[in-house]
Protein backbone atom coordinates (compact mmCIF):
# COMPACT_ATOMS: atom_id res chain seq x y z
CA MET A 1 -27.39 -5.45 6.04
CA SER A 2 -25.01 -5.19 8.92
CA ARG A 3 -22.74 -2.07 9.13
CA LYS A 4 -19.17 -2.88 8.29
CA PRO A 5 -16.36 -0.87 6.85
CA ILE A 6 -15.38 -1.44 3.10
CA VAL A 7 -11.75 -2.34 2.60
CA ILE A 8 -10.06 -1.49 -0.74
CA GLY A 9 -6.69 -3.03 -1.48
CA ILE A 10 -4.43 -1.24 -3.91
CA ALA A 11 -1.23 -3.00 -5.09
CA GLY A 12 1.29 -2.44 -7.81
CA GLY A 13 4.99 -2.11 -8.32
CA SER A 14 7.18 0.69 -7.06
CA GLY A 15 6.44 3.72 -9.21
CA SER A 16 3.30 2.33 -10.69
CA GLY A 17 1.12 5.06 -9.54
CA LYS A 18 -0.77 3.09 -6.80
CA THR A 19 -0.34 5.90 -4.31
CA SER A 20 -1.81 8.44 -6.89
CA VAL A 21 -4.77 6.18 -7.45
CA SER A 22 -5.27 5.82 -3.67
CA LYS A 23 -5.09 9.48 -3.10
CA ALA A 24 -7.47 10.24 -6.03
CA ILE A 25 -10.01 7.94 -4.39
CA TYR A 26 -9.34 9.35 -0.96
CA GLU A 27 -9.76 12.96 -2.16
CA HIS A 28 -13.08 12.13 -3.86
CA PHE A 29 -14.51 11.00 -0.57
CA ARG A 30 -12.85 13.69 1.52
CA GLY A 31 -15.27 14.81 4.16
CA HIS A 32 -16.75 11.34 4.45
CA SER A 33 -15.53 8.64 6.81
CA ILE A 34 -12.40 7.41 4.95
CA MET A 35 -8.86 6.46 5.87
CA MET A 36 -5.73 5.22 4.28
CA ILE A 37 -3.32 2.63 5.67
CA GLU A 38 0.07 2.34 3.97
CA GLN A 39 1.67 -1.09 4.08
CA ASP A 40 5.02 0.66 4.40
CA SER A 41 4.12 1.60 8.00
CA TYR A 42 4.16 -2.09 8.84
CA TYR A 43 7.83 -2.97 8.01
CA LYS A 44 9.06 -5.24 10.72
CA ASP A 45 10.84 -3.86 13.79
CA GLN A 46 14.58 -4.34 13.41
CA SER A 47 15.77 -2.80 16.67
CA ASP A 48 17.27 -6.13 17.67
CA ILE A 49 19.48 -6.15 14.64
CA PRO A 50 22.86 -4.20 14.32
CA PHE A 51 22.43 -1.04 12.25
CA GLU A 52 24.87 -2.29 9.62
CA ASP A 53 22.90 -5.44 9.03
CA ARG A 54 19.63 -3.37 8.73
CA LEU A 55 21.13 -1.61 5.72
CA SER A 56 20.94 -4.80 3.74
CA THR A 57 17.16 -5.46 4.41
CA ASN A 58 15.21 -6.28 1.36
CA TYR A 59 12.21 -4.07 1.62
CA ASP A 60 10.59 -5.51 -1.52
CA HIS A 61 10.26 -8.97 -0.12
CA PRO A 62 7.10 -10.20 1.60
CA LEU A 63 9.05 -11.10 4.75
CA ALA A 64 9.99 -7.49 5.33
CA PHE A 65 6.50 -6.74 6.42
CA ASP A 66 4.74 -7.50 9.76
CA ASN A 67 1.56 -8.84 8.14
CA ASP A 68 0.40 -10.34 11.44
CA LEU A 69 0.17 -6.98 13.02
CA LEU A 70 -1.38 -5.41 9.88
CA ILE A 71 -4.09 -8.14 9.69
CA GLU A 72 -4.81 -7.67 13.48
CA HIS A 73 -5.16 -3.94 12.97
CA ILE A 74 -7.46 -4.40 9.89
CA LYS A 75 -9.65 -6.78 11.80
CA ASN A 76 -9.94 -4.23 14.64
CA LEU A 77 -10.93 -1.52 12.30
CA LEU A 78 -13.58 -3.83 10.79
CA GLU A 79 -15.00 -4.08 14.27
CA TYR A 80 -14.84 -0.23 14.55
CA LYS A 81 -12.04 -0.46 17.11
CA GLY A 82 -9.26 2.07 17.04
CA ILE A 83 -5.60 1.03 16.45
CA ARG A 84 -2.14 2.29 17.21
CA LYS A 85 -0.51 2.41 13.82
CA PRO A 86 3.29 1.97 13.87
CA VAL A 87 5.70 4.51 12.37
CA TYR A 88 8.79 3.40 10.45
CA ASP A 89 11.98 5.35 10.77
CA TYR A 90 13.82 5.13 7.50
CA LYS A 91 16.84 6.89 8.90
CA PHE A 92 17.44 4.11 11.41
CA HIS A 93 15.90 1.35 9.34
CA THR A 94 13.62 0.10 12.12
CA ARG A 95 10.27 0.89 13.73
CA SER A 96 10.05 4.16 15.61
CA SER A 97 9.01 4.35 19.22
CA GLU A 98 6.16 6.60 18.09
CA VAL A 99 2.67 5.37 17.10
CA ILE A 100 -0.23 7.09 15.55
CA ASP A 101 -3.71 6.66 17.11
CA VAL A 102 -6.14 5.86 14.21
CA GLU A 103 -9.96 5.94 14.71
CA PRO A 104 -12.07 3.55 12.67
CA LYS A 105 -13.68 4.77 9.43
CA ASP A 106 -16.27 3.42 7.06
CA VAL A 107 -13.88 3.19 4.10
CA ILE A 108 -10.33 1.81 4.51
CA ILE A 109 -7.83 2.10 1.62
CA LEU A 110 -4.94 -0.41 2.10
CA GLU A 111 -2.05 0.60 -0.15
CA GLY A 112 1.22 -1.14 -0.77
CA ILE A 113 3.35 -3.09 -3.18
CA LEU A 114 2.45 -6.49 -1.69
CA VAL A 115 -1.01 -5.99 -0.13
CA LEU A 116 -2.37 -8.70 -2.39
CA GLU A 117 0.36 -11.27 -1.75
CA ASP A 118 -1.00 -12.48 1.65
CA GLU A 119 -4.21 -14.49 1.27
CA ARG A 120 -5.30 -13.58 4.76
CA LEU A 121 -5.18 -9.86 3.73
CA ARG A 122 -6.99 -10.45 0.51
CA ASP A 123 -9.80 -12.18 2.41
CA LEU A 124 -10.43 -9.01 4.33
CA MET A 125 -10.88 -6.93 1.19
CA ASP A 126 -14.13 -5.94 -0.59
CA ILE A 127 -12.22 -4.65 -3.67
CA LYS A 128 -8.86 -5.55 -4.83
CA LEU A 129 -6.98 -3.27 -7.37
CA TYR A 130 -3.73 -3.72 -9.16
CA VAL A 131 -2.04 -0.72 -10.88
CA ASP A 132 -0.14 -1.93 -13.85
CA THR A 133 2.36 0.36 -15.38
CA ASP A 134 5.30 -0.36 -17.85
CA ALA A 135 8.63 -1.07 -16.24
CA ASP A 136 10.45 1.69 -18.05
CA ILE A 137 7.99 4.32 -16.59
CA ARG A 138 8.22 2.86 -13.13
CA ILE A 139 12.00 3.02 -13.02
CA ILE A 140 12.05 6.57 -14.30
CA ARG A 141 9.51 7.60 -11.64
CA ARG A 142 11.56 5.83 -8.95
CA MET A 143 14.74 7.54 -10.04
CA LEU A 144 13.19 10.85 -9.94
CA ARG A 145 11.63 10.29 -6.53
CA ASP A 146 14.63 8.78 -4.85
CA ILE A 147 17.03 11.29 -6.11
CA LYS A 148 14.94 14.30 -5.37
CA ASP A 149 13.19 13.19 -2.16
CA ARG A 150 15.61 10.82 -0.63
CA GLY A 151 19.03 12.15 -1.64
CA ARG A 152 20.02 9.07 -3.51
CA THR A 153 22.56 8.99 -6.32
CA LEU A 154 21.53 7.84 -9.91
CA ASP A 155 24.06 4.95 -9.68
CA SER A 156 22.70 3.68 -6.28
CA VAL A 157 19.12 3.80 -7.62
CA ILE A 158 20.03 1.83 -10.68
CA GLU A 159 21.94 -0.69 -8.74
CA GLN A 160 19.18 -1.25 -6.26
CA TYR A 161 16.70 -1.47 -9.08
CA GLU A 162 18.74 -4.17 -10.96
CA THR A 163 19.61 -6.21 -7.85
CA VAL A 164 16.56 -5.99 -5.69
CA VAL A 165 13.57 -4.09 -7.04
CA ARG A 166 13.27 -5.68 -10.56
CA PRO A 167 13.73 -9.33 -9.41
CA MET A 168 11.43 -8.89 -6.40
CA HIS A 169 8.78 -7.33 -8.64
CA ASN A 170 8.93 -10.20 -11.11
CA GLN A 171 8.99 -12.78 -8.36
CA PHE A 172 6.46 -11.48 -5.85
CA ILE A 173 4.54 -8.31 -7.01
CA GLU A 174 3.69 -8.94 -10.57
CA PRO A 175 2.16 -12.45 -9.87
CA THR A 176 -0.40 -10.88 -7.47
CA LYS A 177 -2.07 -9.23 -10.45
CA ARG A 178 -4.14 -12.38 -10.92
CA TYR A 179 -5.85 -11.78 -7.61
CA ALA A 180 -7.11 -8.30 -8.51
CA ASP A 181 -10.72 -7.62 -9.23
CA ILE A 182 -9.69 -4.72 -11.47
CA ILE A 183 -6.38 -3.89 -13.15
CA ILE A 184 -5.73 -0.26 -13.71
CA PRO A 185 -3.15 0.70 -16.42
CA GLU A 186 -1.05 3.75 -15.93
CA GLY A 187 -2.01 4.59 -12.40
CA GLY A 188 -3.20 8.03 -11.46
CA GLN A 189 -3.33 9.16 -15.17
CA ASN A 190 -6.15 6.73 -15.77
CA HIS A 191 -9.07 8.99 -14.86
CA VAL A 192 -11.68 6.80 -16.43
CA ALA A 193 -10.66 3.87 -14.28
CA ILE A 194 -10.58 5.99 -11.12
CA ASP A 195 -14.11 7.49 -11.87
CA LEU A 196 -15.40 3.87 -12.32
CA MET A 197 -13.89 2.86 -8.99
CA VAL A 198 -15.38 5.90 -7.26
CA THR A 199 -18.75 5.08 -8.61
CA LYS A 200 -18.42 1.40 -7.45
CA ILE A 201 -17.43 2.39 -4.00
CA GLN A 202 -20.26 4.87 -3.86
CA THR A 203 -22.72 2.13 -4.84
CA ILE A 204 -21.43 -0.17 -2.12
CA LEU A 205 -21.59 2.51 0.48
CA GLU A 206 -25.15 3.40 -0.44
CA GLN A 207 -26.15 -0.27 -0.17
CA LYS A 208 -24.66 -0.23 3.29
CA VAL A 209 -26.55 2.92 4.12
CA ILE A 210 -23.31 4.45 5.40
CA LEU A 211 -23.11 7.80 3.60
């Protein structure tokens, strides 16, 4: 069997626990050849747009992402070629001038709210996961995160959730659940599902004689 990296796509709504699942899998294989790519790094460059207009960007819409660049980078990694991963500057709401040099690995975890939305991305994945968590839990997690880590007010978080996050979730994110090979309820708290995923990944890697 030819040597090729394994790509694991992990999607789910904001606050679903997809990042926790991604990190749990990553930590299990720490020390091996594994990497994580966050879809958030591939928000489109908005440097040509006035700052005031950038503030109204809908970051939960598929068009907010530069999937063409993301797909190009995944394809390069699949050929064991390094990439220069973009860095998004949330303060200025556009792509930073910085990039991160990333070397290819044998396991690629691709994590983000809409990684299963684009068929071209799905076609590059060996395993597709969707982390499914109740809306009330997701909004509470988002409130706690945005208030504590991003200096947001409770009112602003609720307004954003009602006007953008919830409708975008229902329109674009939730429907991608049908593309998942495995649906994981409750995210990082679902240790049984994570253990099963780790075992599956281990089996694939052994078949490819990578580890």
